[in-house]
Amino acid sequence: MRIRIPRFFRADAGRKLVAFAFAFLLWFYVRGQLQETTTLGGIPVTLEYDSDSVYLEQPMVTATATLRGSKQRLQRLQADDVGIRVRIPAAAVAGAGFHRLTVRPEDVGLPRGVRLAADAVKLSPEMVAVDRVETRRNVPIRVQFTGSLSEEFARNLTVVPAQVTLRGPGGAVRGIQEMVTEPVRLDASMVSAFEATVKLVQIPRVAADVREAHVTVDVFRRTVLRTYENLPLFVLALPGGDLAVAEPLPGVSVSLRGHAKVLEGLDSFALLPFIDLADVKAPGRYQRPVRLWHGVPQGVMVEALSPGLVEVAVVRRGEGPPATGGRP
């Protein structure tokens, strides 16, 4: 049986065999070049996640990859030439904890002529700390002070805004009870109100909707309330030598407000509560307000007189008290 070789192969067969041999050698060489491998470390990894839902304690994540390609390409390859992106889905983060990072082949971007060896990417670290992003509203602002006012003075405080809204990882936000300001300076020379704009002390990992607060400090003299009990009640200007008050007058309590040192030095004998009967012309029963003679030191205020109104019986000397009736 004869084997018939096509004319194509029989014509100029020597040259064709040589060409075929060269083609095979070239293919073998290229194939060998493509089988070169190298391990490349320090490849930066980009972590992709929804920052409105997920808080990431973002460390520097790097990768080590085994790559395949020609020797020349692999020798020129740098870590920045490889791009790796790892996605952290919000649904996978339920709260504070750790999330394991995984790399899929489609997450790796490589230069032309370079391929990724199967299962050849290792991340460092392989797990990252994550938490859910939470919002906490109406967190009060507390003003810090340094120094102090004189003992004679006290202060009232107004802060605008009085509260802030915080946003950050749930584990951190839930533990915050207040936001504090940078210190506001006080000293003994301050005797009047003043205003200041101060920054809030920032808390790591937590963002506030405001960064400053406007503080108004109202400085005023410190006062105390002191009551002098059962002081004698005096009668002022009872006209006519034949008229007199028939009944004993009640004792009076006087309440004064002022600086503690001033009130401590005030003698009760200097306080003279009185009623004015200058307009009384005839016997009868009269109601009159209780007043205090002007013996109160400067800066002291009369808070109360008790009783504030008394009824007195005016008679002619030697007569008994008038019958109860109208009260002029």
C-alpha atoms as a PDB file:
ATOM      1  CA  MET A   1       0.000   0.000   0.000  1.00  0.00           C
ATOM      2  CA  ARG A   2       1.401   3.329  -1.018  1.00  0.00           C
ATOM      3  CA  ILE A   3       1.164   6.406   1.198  1.00  0.00           C
ATOM      4  CA  ARG A   4       0.522   9.404  -0.963  1.00  0.00           C
ATOM      5  CA  ILE A   5       2.156  12.586   0.340  1.00  0.00           C
ATOM      6  CA  PRO A   6       0.459  15.777  -0.838  1.00  0.00           C
ATOM      7  CA  ARG A   7       2.372  17.873  -3.310  1.00  0.00           C
ATOM      8  CA  PHE A   8       2.423  20.755  -0.855  1.00  0.00           C
ATOM      9  CA  PHE A   9       4.730  18.806   1.438  1.00  0.00           C
ATOM     10  CA  ARG A  10       6.804  17.260  -1.342  1.00  0.00           C
ATOM     11  CA  ALA A  11       7.584  20.575  -3.023  1.00  0.00           C
ATOM     12  CA  ASP A  12      10.657  22.192  -1.433  1.00  0.00           C
ATOM     13  CA  ALA A  13      10.412  19.808   1.503  1.00  0.00           C
ATOM     14  CA  GLY A  14      13.846  20.655   2.938  1.00  0.00           C
ATOM     15  CA  ARG A  15      13.107  24.300   3.487  1.00  0.00           C
ATOM     16  CA  LYS A  16       9.742  23.538   4.941  1.00  0.00           C
ATOM     17  CA  LEU A  17      11.261  21.122   7.420  1.00  0.00           C
ATOM     18  CA  VAL A  18      13.794  23.730   8.496  1.00  0.00           C
ATOM     19  CA  ALA A  19      11.046  26.374   8.899  1.00  0.00           C
ATOM     20  CA  PHE A  20       8.952  23.981  10.896  1.00  0.00           C
ATOM     21  CA  ALA A  21      11.879  23.197  13.165  1.00  0.00           C
ATOM     22  CA  PHE A  22      12.539  26.891  13.775  1.00  0.00           C
ATOM     23  CA  ALA A  23       8.857  27.519  14.494  1.00  0.00           C
ATOM     24  CA  PHE A  24       8.830  24.684  17.008  1.00  0.00           C
ATOM     25  CA  LEU A  25      11.950  25.981  18.720  1.00  0.00           C
ATOM     26  CA  LEU A  26      10.469  29.507  18.873  1.00  0.00           C
ATOM     27  CA  TRP A  27       7.223  28.197  20.341  1.00  0.00           C
ATOM     28  CA  PHE A  28       9.135  26.151  22.863  1.00  0.00           C
ATOM     29  CA  TYR A  29      11.224  29.190  23.842  1.00  0.00           C
ATOM     30  CA  VAL A  30       8.197  31.491  24.242  1.00  0.00           C
ATOM     31  CA  ARG A  31       6.326  28.844  26.164  1.00  0.00           C
ATOM     32  CA  GLY A  32       9.295  28.492  28.458  1.00  0.00           C
ATOM     33  CA  GLN A  33       9.430  32.245  28.952  1.00  0.00           C
ATOM     34  CA  LEU A  34       5.756  32.357  29.911  1.00  0.00           C
ATOM     35  CA  GLN A  35       6.323  29.694  32.516  1.00  0.00           C
ATOM     36  CA  GLU A  36       8.672  31.930  34.566  1.00  0.00           C
ATOM     37  CA  THR A  37       7.246  32.763  38.014  1.00  0.00           C
ATOM     38  CA  THR A  38       8.102  35.260  40.721  1.00  0.00           C
ATOM     39  CA  THR A  39       6.726  36.166  44.133  1.00  0.00           C
ATOM     40  CA  LEU A  40       6.045  39.873  44.563  1.00  0.00           C
ATOM     41  CA  GLY A  41       5.428  41.304  48.053  1.00  0.00           C
ATOM     42  CA  GLY A  42       4.296  44.652  49.451  1.00  0.00           C
ATOM     43  CA  ILE A  43       1.492  45.039  46.914  1.00  0.00           C
ATOM     44  CA  PRO A  44      -0.892  47.770  48.227  1.00  0.00           C
ATOM     45  CA  VAL A  45      -4.496  46.641  48.692  1.00  0.00           C
ATOM     46  CA  THR A  46      -7.416  49.056  48.340  1.00  0.00           C
ATOM     47  CA  LEU A  47     -10.345  48.266  50.638  1.00  0.00           C
ATOM     48  CA  GLU A  48     -13.723  49.278  49.216  1.00  0.00           C
ATOM     49  CA  TYR A  49     -16.694  49.742  51.560  1.00  0.00           C
ATOM     50  CA  ASP A  50     -19.677  52.016  52.215  1.00  0.00           C
ATOM     51  CA  SER A  51     -18.361  54.590  54.695  1.00  0.00           C
ATOM     52  CA  ASP A  52     -21.938  55.636  55.589  1.00  0.00           C
ATOM     53  CA  SER A  53     -22.656  52.163  56.962  1.00  0.00           C
ATOM     54  CA  VAL A  54     -19.327  50.567  57.801  1.00  0.00           C
ATOM     55  CA  TYR A  55     -16.548  51.882  60.027  1.00  0.00           C
ATOM     56  CA  LEU A  56     -13.168  50.369  59.309  1.00  0.00           C
ATOM     57  CA  GLU A  57     -10.153  50.425  61.571  1.00  0.00           C
ATOM     58  CA  GLN A  58      -8.176  50.730  58.384  1.00  0.00           C
ATOM     59  CA  PRO A  59      -4.707  49.241  58.680  1.00  0.00           C
ATOM     60  CA  MET A  60      -2.137  49.120  55.911  1.00  0.00           C
ATOM     61  CA  VAL A  61      -3.187  45.974  54.078  1.00  0.00           C
ATOM     62  CA  THR A  62      -0.654  44.542  51.643  1.00  0.00           C
ATOM     63  CA  ALA A  63      -0.529  41.410  49.534  1.00  0.00           C
ATOM     64  CA  THR A  64       2.025  38.892  48.367  1.00  0.00           C
ATOM     65  CA  ALA A  65       1.272  37.367  44.952  1.00  0.00           C
ATOM     66  CA  THR A  66       2.877  34.670  42.824  1.00  0.00           C
ATOM     67  CA  LEU A  67       2.887  35.850  39.203  1.00  0.00           C
ATOM     68  CA  ARG A  68       3.649  34.155  35.926  1.00  0.00           C
ATOM     69  CA  GLY A  69       5.078  35.709  32.794  1.00  0.00           C
ATOM     70  CA  SER A  70       8.199  36.278  30.735  1.00  0.00           C
ATOM     71  CA  LYS A  71      11.454  36.712  32.548  1.00  0.00           C
ATOM     72  CA  GLN A  72      11.941  40.227  31.212  1.00  0.00           C
ATOM     73  CA  ARG A  73       8.466  41.363  32.293  1.00  0.00           C
ATOM     74  CA  LEU A  74       8.773  39.850  35.719  1.00  0.00           C
ATOM     75  CA  GLN A  75      12.168  41.461  36.250  1.00  0.00           C
ATOM     76  CA  ARG A  76      10.696  44.928  35.519  1.00  0.00           C
ATOM     77  CA  LEU A  77       7.553  44.384  37.599  1.00  0.00           C
ATOM     78  CA  GLN A  78       7.038  46.625  40.665  1.00  0.00           C
ATOM     79  CA  ALA A  79       4.502  46.282  43.495  1.00  0.00           C
ATOM     80  CA  ASP A  80       2.647  49.423  42.353  1.00  0.00           C
ATOM     81  CA  ASP A  81       2.129  47.841  38.925  1.00  0.00           C
ATOM     82  CA  VAL A  82      -0.333  45.396  40.475  1.00  0.00           C
ATOM     83  CA  GLY A  83      -3.731  46.624  41.647  1.00  0.00           C
ATOM     84  CA  ILE A  84      -5.772  44.666  44.186  1.00  0.00           C
ATOM     85  CA  ARG A  85      -9.203  45.819  45.385  1.00  0.00           C
ATOM     86  CA  VAL A  86     -11.091  43.995  48.127  1.00  0.00           C
ATOM     87  CA  ARG A  87     -14.760  44.703  48.755  1.00  0.00           C
ATOM     88  CA  ILE A  88     -16.270  44.672  52.276  1.00  0.00           C
ATOM     89  CA  PRO A  89     -20.071  44.403  51.888  1.00  0.00           C
ATOM     90  CA  ALA A  90     -22.157  46.310  54.444  1.00  0.00           C
ATOM     91  CA  ALA A  91     -24.395  43.269  54.941  1.00  0.00           C
ATOM     92  CA  ALA A  92     -21.414  41.347  56.299  1.00  0.00           C
ATOM     93  CA  VAL A  93     -20.877  43.820  59.161  1.00  0.00           C
ATOM     94  CA  ALA A  94     -23.434  43.400  61.953  1.00  0.00           C
ATOM     95  CA  GLY A  95     -21.469  45.194  64.662  1.00  0.00           C
ATOM     96  CA  ALA A  96     -18.056  45.477  66.242  1.00  0.00           C
ATOM     97  CA  GLY A  97     -15.822  42.563  65.284  1.00  0.00           C
ATOM     98  CA  PHE A  98     -13.390  41.299  62.651  1.00  0.00           C
ATOM     99  CA  HIS A  99     -13.992  40.704  58.966  1.00  0.00           C
ATOM    100  CA  ARG A 100     -11.933  38.238  56.921  1.00  0.00           C
ATOM    101  CA  LEU A 101     -10.696  39.636  53.634  1.00  0.00           C
ATOM    102  CA  THR A 102     -10.931  37.482  50.518  1.00  0.00           C
ATOM    103  CA  VAL A 103      -9.461  38.089  47.063  1.00  0.00           C
ATOM    104  CA  ARG A 104     -11.094  36.884  43.857  1.00  0.00           C
ATOM    105  CA  PRO A 105      -9.191  36.678  40.554  1.00  0.00           C
ATOM    106  CA  GLU A 106     -11.260  39.546  39.163  1.00  0.00           C
ATOM    107  CA  ASP A 107     -10.120  41.729  42.096  1.00  0.00           C
ATOM    108  CA  VAL A 108      -6.527  41.653  40.821  1.00  0.00           C
ATOM    109  CA  GLY A 109      -5.369  44.004  38.084  1.00  0.00           C
ATOM    110  CA  LEU A 110      -2.177  42.913  36.258  1.00  0.00           C
ATOM    111  CA  PRO A 111      -0.036  44.378  33.448  1.00  0.00           C
ATOM    112  CA  ARG A 112      -0.234  42.798  29.987  1.00  0.00           C
ATOM    113  CA  GLY A 113       1.743  39.598  29.665  1.00  0.00           C
ATOM    114  CA  VAL A 114       1.560  38.792  33.365  1.00  0.00           C
ATOM    115  CA  ARG A 115      -0.792  36.243  34.827  1.00  0.00           C
ATOM    116  CA  LEU A 116      -1.740  35.296  38.347  1.00  0.00           C
ATOM    117  CA  ALA A 117      -0.815  31.846  39.507  1.00  0.00           C
ATOM    118  CA  ALA A 118      -3.784  29.967  40.907  1.00  0.00           C
ATOM    119  CA  ASP A 119      -4.480  30.634  44.602  1.00  0.00           C
ATOM    120  CA  ALA A 120      -1.331  32.669  44.801  1.00  0.00           C
ATOM    121  CA  VAL A 121      -2.438  35.870  46.667  1.00  0.00           C
ATOM    122  CA  LYS A 122      -1.952  36.195  50.395  1.00  0.00           C
ATOM    123  CA  LEU A 123      -3.097  39.254  52.362  1.00  0.00           C
ATOM    124  CA  SER A 124      -1.484  40.728  55.446  1.00  0.00           C
ATOM    125  CA  PRO A 125      -3.402  41.083  57.657  1.00  0.00           C
ATOM    126  CA  GLU A 126      -6.115  38.699  56.570  1.00  0.00           C
ATOM    127  CA  MET A 127      -8.673  40.170  59.017  1.00  0.00           C
ATOM    128  CA  VAL A 128      -9.563  43.789  59.805  1.00  0.00           C
ATOM    129  CA  ALA A 129     -11.525  45.340  62.669  1.00  0.00           C
ATOM    130  CA  VAL A 130     -14.915  46.691  61.575  1.00  0.00           C
ATOM    131  CA  ASP A 131     -18.030  48.173  63.158  1.00  0.00           C
ATOM    132  CA  ARG A 132     -21.383  49.581  62.117  1.00  0.00           C
ATOM    133  CA  VAL A 133     -21.601  53.361  61.780  1.00  0.00           C
ATOM    134  CA  GLU A 134     -24.117  54.826  64.232  1.00  0.00           C
ATOM    135  CA  THR A 135     -25.527  58.292  64.904  1.00  0.00           C
ATOM    136  CA  ARG A 136     -26.210  59.612  68.405  1.00  0.00           C
ATOM    137  CA  ARG A 137     -28.136  62.836  68.803  1.00  0.00           C
ATOM    138  CA  ASN A 138     -28.579  65.333  71.669  1.00  0.00           C
ATOM    139  CA  VAL A 139     -25.235  64.730  73.366  1.00  0.00           C
ATOM    140  CA  PRO A 140     -24.706  67.613  75.869  1.00  0.00           C
ATOM    141  CA  ILE A 141     -21.727  69.962  75.736  1.00  0.00           C
ATOM    142  CA  ARG A 142     -19.850  70.590  78.992  1.00  0.00           C
ATOM    143  CA  VAL A 143     -17.626  73.660  79.335  1.00  0.00           C
ATOM    144  CA  GLN A 144     -14.282  73.146  81.051  1.00  0.00           C
ATOM    145  CA  PHE A 145     -12.820  75.969  83.155  1.00  0.00           C
ATOM    146  CA  THR A 146      -9.323  76.683  84.375  1.00  0.00           C
ATOM    147  CA  GLY A 147      -8.700  79.057  87.259  1.00  0.00           C
ATOM    148  CA  SER A 148     -11.436  80.586  89.412  1.00  0.00           C
ATOM    149  CA  LEU A 149     -13.304  83.794  90.166  1.00  0.00           C
ATOM    150  CA  SER A 150     -12.937  85.785  93.375  1.00  0.00           C
ATOM    151  CA  GLU A 151     -14.824  84.307  96.330  1.00  0.00           C
ATOM    152  CA  GLU A 152     -17.232  87.253  96.159  1.00  0.00           C
ATOM    153  CA  PHE A 153     -18.414  86.326  92.666  1.00  0.00           C
ATOM    154  CA  ALA A 154     -20.293  83.454  91.074  1.00  0.00           C
ATOM    155  CA  ARG A 155     -21.209  82.663  87.479  1.00  0.00           C
ATOM    156  CA  ASN A 156     -24.033  81.489  85.264  1.00  0.00           C
ATOM    157  CA  LEU A 157     -23.305  79.785  81.954  1.00  0.00           C
ATOM    158  CA  THR A 158     -24.985  79.668  78.545  1.00  0.00           C
ATOM    159  CA  VAL A 159     -23.676  77.399  75.750  1.00  0.00           C
ATOM    160  CA  VAL A 160     -24.770  77.556  72.089  1.00  0.00           C
ATOM    161  CA  PRO A 161     -25.306  74.938  70.832  1.00  0.00           C
ATOM    162  CA  ALA A 162     -26.067  73.079  74.025  1.00  0.00           C
ATOM    163  CA  GLN A 163     -25.997  69.674  72.303  1.00  0.00           C
ATOM    164  CA  VAL A 164     -24.266  67.975  69.373  1.00  0.00           C
ATOM    165  CA  THR A 165     -24.876  65.024  67.086  1.00  0.00           C
ATOM    166  CA  LEU A 166     -22.148  62.380  66.937  1.00  0.00           C
ATOM    167  CA  ARG A 167     -21.405  59.846  64.230  1.00  0.00           C
ATOM    168  CA  GLY A 168     -18.916  57.027  64.330  1.00  0.00           C
ATOM    169  CA  PRO A 169     -18.440  53.354  65.180  1.00  0.00           C
ATOM    170  CA  GLY A 170     -21.236  52.096  67.389  1.00  0.00           C
ATOM    171  CA  GLY A 171     -18.897  50.761  70.045  1.00  0.00           C
ATOM    172  CA  ALA A 172     -17.376  54.225  70.524  1.00  0.00           C
ATOM    173  CA  VAL A 173     -20.478  56.395  70.082  1.00  0.00           C
ATOM    174  CA  ARG A 174     -22.603  54.479  72.568  1.00  0.00           C
ATOM    175  CA  GLY A 175     -20.101  55.079  75.372  1.00  0.00           C
ATOM    176  CA  ILE A 176     -19.981  58.887  75.023  1.00  0.00           C
ATOM    177  CA  GLN A 177     -22.027  60.769  77.624  1.00  0.00           C
ATOM    178  CA  GLU A 178     -20.896  64.321  76.833  1.00  0.00           C
ATOM    179  CA  MET A 179     -18.623  66.451  74.680  1.00  0.00           C
ATOM    180  CA  VAL A 180     -16.277  68.840  76.475  1.00  0.00           C
ATOM    181  CA  THR A 181     -14.745  72.102  75.356  1.00  0.00           C
ATOM    182  CA  GLU A 182     -11.194  73.289  75.574  1.00  0.00           C
ATOM    183  CA  PRO A 183     -10.671  75.130  78.904  1.00  0.00           C
ATOM    184  CA  VAL A 184     -12.105  78.626  79.419  1.00  0.00           C
ATOM    185  CA  ARG A 185      -9.869  80.765  81.657  1.00  0.00           C
ATOM    186  CA  LEU A 186     -11.205  82.382  84.839  1.00  0.00           C
ATOM    187  CA  ASP A 187      -9.345  84.635  87.294  1.00  0.00           C
ATOM    188  CA  ALA A 188     -10.038  86.862  90.299  1.00  0.00           C
ATOM    189  CA  SER A 189     -10.026  90.060  88.218  1.00  0.00           C
ATOM    190  CA  MET A 190     -13.210  89.103  86.331  1.00  0.00           C
ATOM    191  CA  VAL A 191     -16.230  90.978  87.717  1.00  0.00           C
ATOM    192  CA  SER A 192     -18.529  91.184  84.685  1.00  0.00           C
ATOM    193  CA  ALA A 193     -19.985  88.970  81.961  1.00  0.00           C
ATOM    194  CA  PHE A 194     -17.888  87.868  78.980  1.00  0.00           C
ATOM    195  CA  GLU A 195     -18.212  85.691  75.867  1.00  0.00           C
ATOM    196  CA  ALA A 196     -15.867  83.259  74.135  1.00  0.00           C
ATOM    197  CA  THR A 197     -15.873  80.816  71.240  1.00  0.00           C
ATOM    198  CA  VAL A 198     -14.101  77.601  72.179  1.00  0.00           C
ATOM    199  CA  LYS A 199     -13.318  74.411  70.295  1.00  0.00           C
ATOM    200  CA  LEU A 200     -14.697  71.039  71.265  1.00  0.00           C
ATOM    201  CA  VAL A 201     -12.185  68.388  72.297  1.00  0.00           C
ATOM    202  CA  GLN A 202     -12.247  65.865  69.465  1.00  0.00           C
ATOM    203  CA  ILE A 203     -12.760  62.189  70.225  1.00  0.00           C
ATOM    204  CA  PRO A 204     -10.799  59.741  68.065  1.00  0.00           C
ATOM    205  CA  ARG A 205     -12.888  57.932  65.428  1.00  0.00           C
ATOM    206  CA  VAL A 206     -15.980  60.045  66.230  1.00  0.00           C
ATOM    207  CA  ALA A 207     -17.202  63.022  64.202  1.00  0.00           C
ATOM    208  CA  ALA A 208     -19.387  65.814  65.652  1.00  0.00           C
ATOM    209  CA  ASP A 209     -21.703  67.997  63.590  1.00  0.00           C
ATOM    210  CA  VAL A 210     -20.099  71.118  65.136  1.00  0.00           C
ATOM    211  CA  ARG A 211     -16.498  71.788  66.131  1.00  0.00           C
ATOM    212  CA  GLU A 212     -16.998  74.936  68.257  1.00  0.00           C
ATOM    213  CA  ALA A 213     -19.358  76.286  70.913  1.00  0.00           C
ATOM    214  CA  HIS A 214     -20.193  79.875  71.863  1.00  0.00           C
ATOM    215  CA  VAL A 215     -19.979  80.371  75.625  1.00  0.00           C
ATOM    216  CA  THR A 216     -21.516  83.272  77.580  1.00  0.00           C
ATOM    217  CA  VAL A 217     -20.402  83.566  81.215  1.00  0.00           C
ATOM    218  CA  ASP A 218     -22.503  85.856  83.422  1.00  0.00           C
ATOM    219  CA  VAL A 219     -20.404  86.962  86.421  1.00  0.00           C
ATOM    220  CA  PHE A 220     -22.246  88.309  89.470  1.00  0.00           C
ATOM    221  CA  ARG A 221     -21.680  88.854  93.152  1.00  0.00           C
ATOM    222  CA  ARG A 222     -22.236  85.779  95.248  1.00  0.00           C
ATOM    223  CA  THR A 223     -25.119  86.323  97.718  1.00  0.00           C
ATOM    224  CA  VAL A 224     -26.721  84.490 100.606  1.00  0.00           C
ATOM    225  CA  LEU A 225     -30.118  84.857 102.239  1.00  0.00           C
ATOM    226  CA  ARG A 226     -30.189  85.639 105.949  1.00  0.00           C
ATOM    227  CA  THR A 227     -33.304  86.092 108.092  1.00  0.00           C
ATOM    228  CA  TYR A 228     -33.421  88.120 111.330  1.00  0.00           C
ATOM    229  CA  GLU A 229     -36.271  86.861 113.514  1.00  0.00           C
ATOM    230  CA  ASN A 230     -38.593  88.587 115.968  1.00  0.00           C
ATOM    231  CA  LEU A 231     -37.313  92.147 115.593  1.00  0.00           C
ATOM    232  CA  PRO A 232     -39.277  94.841 117.485  1.00  0.00           C
ATOM    233  CA  LEU A 233     -41.778  96.820 115.411  1.00  0.00           C
ATOM    234  CA  PHE A 234     -41.606 100.590 115.903  1.00  0.00           C
ATOM    235  CA  VAL A 235     -44.343 103.189 115.442  1.00  0.00           C
ATOM    236  CA  LEU A 236     -43.493 106.333 113.494  1.00  0.00           C
ATOM    237  CA  ALA A 237     -45.179 109.740 113.975  1.00  0.00           C
ATOM    238  CA  LEU A 238     -48.332 109.052 115.979  1.00  0.00           C
ATOM    239  CA  PRO A 239     -49.726 112.602 116.226  1.00  0.00           C
ATOM    240  CA  GLY A 240     -51.421 114.089 119.267  1.00  0.00           C
ATOM    241  CA  GLY A 241     -50.305 113.523 122.772  1.00  0.00           C
ATOM    242  CA  ASP A 242     -53.545 111.842 123.751  1.00  0.00           C
ATOM    243  CA  LEU A 243     -53.380 108.931 121.190  1.00  0.00           C
ATOM    244  CA  ALA A 244     -51.583 105.641 121.800  1.00  0.00           C
ATOM    245  CA  VAL A 245     -51.356 102.096 120.419  1.00  0.00           C
ATOM    246  CA  ALA A 246     -53.499  99.897 122.652  1.00  0.00           C
ATOM    247  CA  GLU A 247     -52.150  96.428 121.887  1.00  0.00           C
ATOM    248  CA  PRO A 248     -48.626  94.967 121.800  1.00  0.00           C
ATOM    249  CA  LEU A 249     -47.168  94.979 118.292  1.00  0.00           C
ATOM    250  CA  PRO A 250     -45.996  91.694 116.743  1.00  0.00           C
ATOM    251  CA  GLY A 251     -42.361  90.841 116.174  1.00  0.00           C
ATOM    252  CA  VAL A 252     -41.090  91.138 112.600  1.00  0.00           C
ATOM    253  CA  SER A 253     -38.859  88.818 110.568  1.00  0.00           C
ATOM    254  CA  VAL A 254     -36.553  90.531 108.049  1.00  0.00           C
ATOM    255  CA  SER A 255     -34.943  88.535 105.213  1.00  0.00           C
ATOM    256  CA  LEU A 256     -31.920  90.147 103.529  1.00  0.00           C
ATOM    257  CA  ARG A 257     -29.868  88.998 100.553  1.00  0.00           C
ATOM    258  CA  GLY A 258     -26.268  90.053 100.086  1.00  0.00           C
ATOM    259  CA  HIS A 259     -22.653  89.032 100.313  1.00  0.00           C
ATOM    260  CA  ALA A 260     -21.997  86.629 103.171  1.00  0.00           C
ATOM    261  CA  LYS A 261     -19.258  88.766 104.761  1.00  0.00           C
ATOM    262  CA  VAL A 262     -21.445  91.884 104.715  1.00  0.00           C
ATOM    263  CA  LEU A 263     -24.366  90.105 106.341  1.00  0.00           C
ATOM    264  CA  GLU A 264     -22.128  88.510 108.955  1.00  0.00           C
ATOM    265  CA  GLY A 265     -21.051  91.973 110.054  1.00  0.00           C
ATOM    266  CA  LEU A 266     -24.583  93.377 110.174  1.00  0.00           C
ATOM    267  CA  ASP A 267     -26.035  93.744 113.693  1.00  0.00           C
ATOM    268  CA  SER A 268     -29.744  93.065 114.024  1.00  0.00           C
ATOM    269  CA  PHE A 269     -30.076  96.243 116.151  1.00  0.00           C
ATOM    270  CA  ALA A 270     -29.363  98.228 112.985  1.00  0.00           C
ATOM    271  CA  LEU A 271     -32.572  96.903 111.434  1.00  0.00           C
ATOM    272  CA  LEU A 272     -35.586  99.008 112.363  1.00  0.00           C
ATOM    273  CA  PRO A 273     -38.919  97.768 111.004  1.00  0.00           C
ATOM    274  CA  PHE A 274     -41.702 100.304 111.494  1.00  0.00           C
ATOM    275  CA  ILE A 275     -45.254 101.321 110.650  1.00  0.00           C
ATOM    276  CA  ASP A 276     -46.272 104.908 109.823  1.00  0.00           C
ATOM    277  CA  LEU A 277     -49.292 106.312 111.715  1.00  0.00           C
ATOM    278  CA  ALA A 278     -48.697 109.968 110.817  1.00  0.00           C
ATOM    279  CA  ASP A 279     -52.125 110.262 109.197  1.00  0.00           C
ATOM    280  CA  VAL A 280     -54.057 108.859 112.169  1.00  0.00           C
ATOM    281  CA  LYS A 281     -56.218 111.621 113.783  1.00  0.00           C
ATOM    282  CA  ALA A 282     -58.669 109.642 115.888  1.00  0.00           C
ATOM    283  CA  PRO A 283     -59.000 106.381 117.765  1.00  0.00           C
ATOM    284  CA  GLY A 284     -59.801 103.259 115.717  1.00  0.00           C
ATOM    285  CA  ARG A 285     -58.333 100.141 114.127  1.00  0.00           C
ATOM    286  CA  TYR A 286     -55.869 100.683 111.274  1.00  0.00           C
ATOM    287  CA  GLN A 287     -53.962  98.439 108.824  1.00  0.00           C
ATOM    288  CA  ARG A 288     -50.514  99.596 107.859  1.00  0.00           C
ATOM    289  CA  PRO A 289     -47.650  98.071 105.808  1.00  0.00           C
ATOM    290  CA  VAL A 290     -44.438  97.204 107.585  1.00  0.00           C
ATOM    291  CA  ARG A 291     -41.404  99.090 106.292  1.00  0.00           C
ATOM    292  CA  LEU A 292     -37.696  99.000 107.057  1.00  0.00           C
ATOM    293  CA  TRP A 293     -35.724 102.054 108.061  1.00  0.00           C
ATOM    294  CA  HIS A 294     -32.861 102.856 105.647  1.00  0.00           C
ATOM    295  CA  GLY A 295     -30.100 101.169 107.599  1.00  0.00           C
ATOM    296  CA  VAL A 296     -29.334  98.405 105.061  1.00  0.00           C
ATOM    297  CA  PRO A 297     -25.737  98.410 103.712  1.00  0.00           C
ATOM    298  CA  GLN A 298     -25.083  99.032 100.017  1.00  0.00           C
ATOM    299  CA  GLY A 299     -25.410  95.888  97.918  1.00  0.00           C
ATOM    300  CA  VAL A 300     -27.858  94.260 100.336  1.00  0.00           C
ATOM    301  CA  MET A 301     -31.454  93.711  99.208  1.00  0.00           C
ATOM    302  CA  VAL A 302     -34.558  93.295 101.364  1.00  0.00           C
ATOM    303  CA  GLU A 303     -36.117  90.018 100.245  1.00  0.00           C
ATOM    304  CA  ALA A 304     -39.086  89.893 102.629  1.00  0.00           C
ATOM    305  CA  LEU A 305     -40.740  91.416 105.702  1.00  0.00           C
ATOM    306  CA  SER A 306     -43.058  89.178 107.710  1.00  0.00           C
ATOM    307  CA  PRO A 307     -45.689  90.173 108.508  1.00  0.00           C
ATOM    308  CA  GLY A 308     -45.892  92.604 105.647  1.00  0.00           C
ATOM    309  CA  LEU A 309     -49.123  94.162 106.961  1.00  0.00           C
ATOM    310  CA  VAL A 310     -50.252  94.667 110.577  1.00  0.00           C
ATOM    311  CA  GLU A 311     -53.456  95.880 112.206  1.00  0.00           C
ATOM    312  CA  VAL A 312     -53.133  98.237 115.166  1.00  0.00           C
ATOM    313  CA  ALA A 313     -55.663  99.625 117.647  1.00  0.00           C
ATOM    314  CA  VAL A 314     -55.271 103.356 118.383  1.00  0.00           C
ATOM    315  CA  VAL A 315     -57.019 104.682 121.536  1.00  0.00           C
ATOM    316  CA  ARG A 316     -57.004 107.747 123.644  1.00  0.00           C
ATOM    317  CA  ARG A 317     -54.771 107.354 126.581  1.00  0.00           C
ATOM    318  CA  GLY A 318     -56.597 105.771 129.509  1.00  0.00           C
ATOM    319  CA  GLU A 319     -59.267 104.116 127.300  1.00  0.00           C
ATOM    320  CA  GLY A 320     -59.567 100.464 126.228  1.00  0.00           C
ATOM    321  CA  PRO A 321     -59.078  99.245 122.653  1.00  0.00           C
ATOM    322  CA  PRO A 322     -61.792 100.194 120.155  1.00  0.00           C
ATOM    323  CA  ALA A 323     -64.307  97.616 119.044  1.00  0.00           C
ATOM    324  CA  THR A 324     -63.541  95.632 115.913  1.00  0.00           C
ATOM    325  CA  GLY A 325     -65.068  97.361 112.913  1.00  0.00           C
ATOM    326  CA  GLY A 326     -63.896  99.162 109.838  1.00  0.00           C
ATOM    327  CA  ARG A 327     -60.164  99.190 109.099  1.00  0.00           C
ATOM    328  CA  PRO A 328     -58.973 102.424 107.593  1.00  0.00           C
END
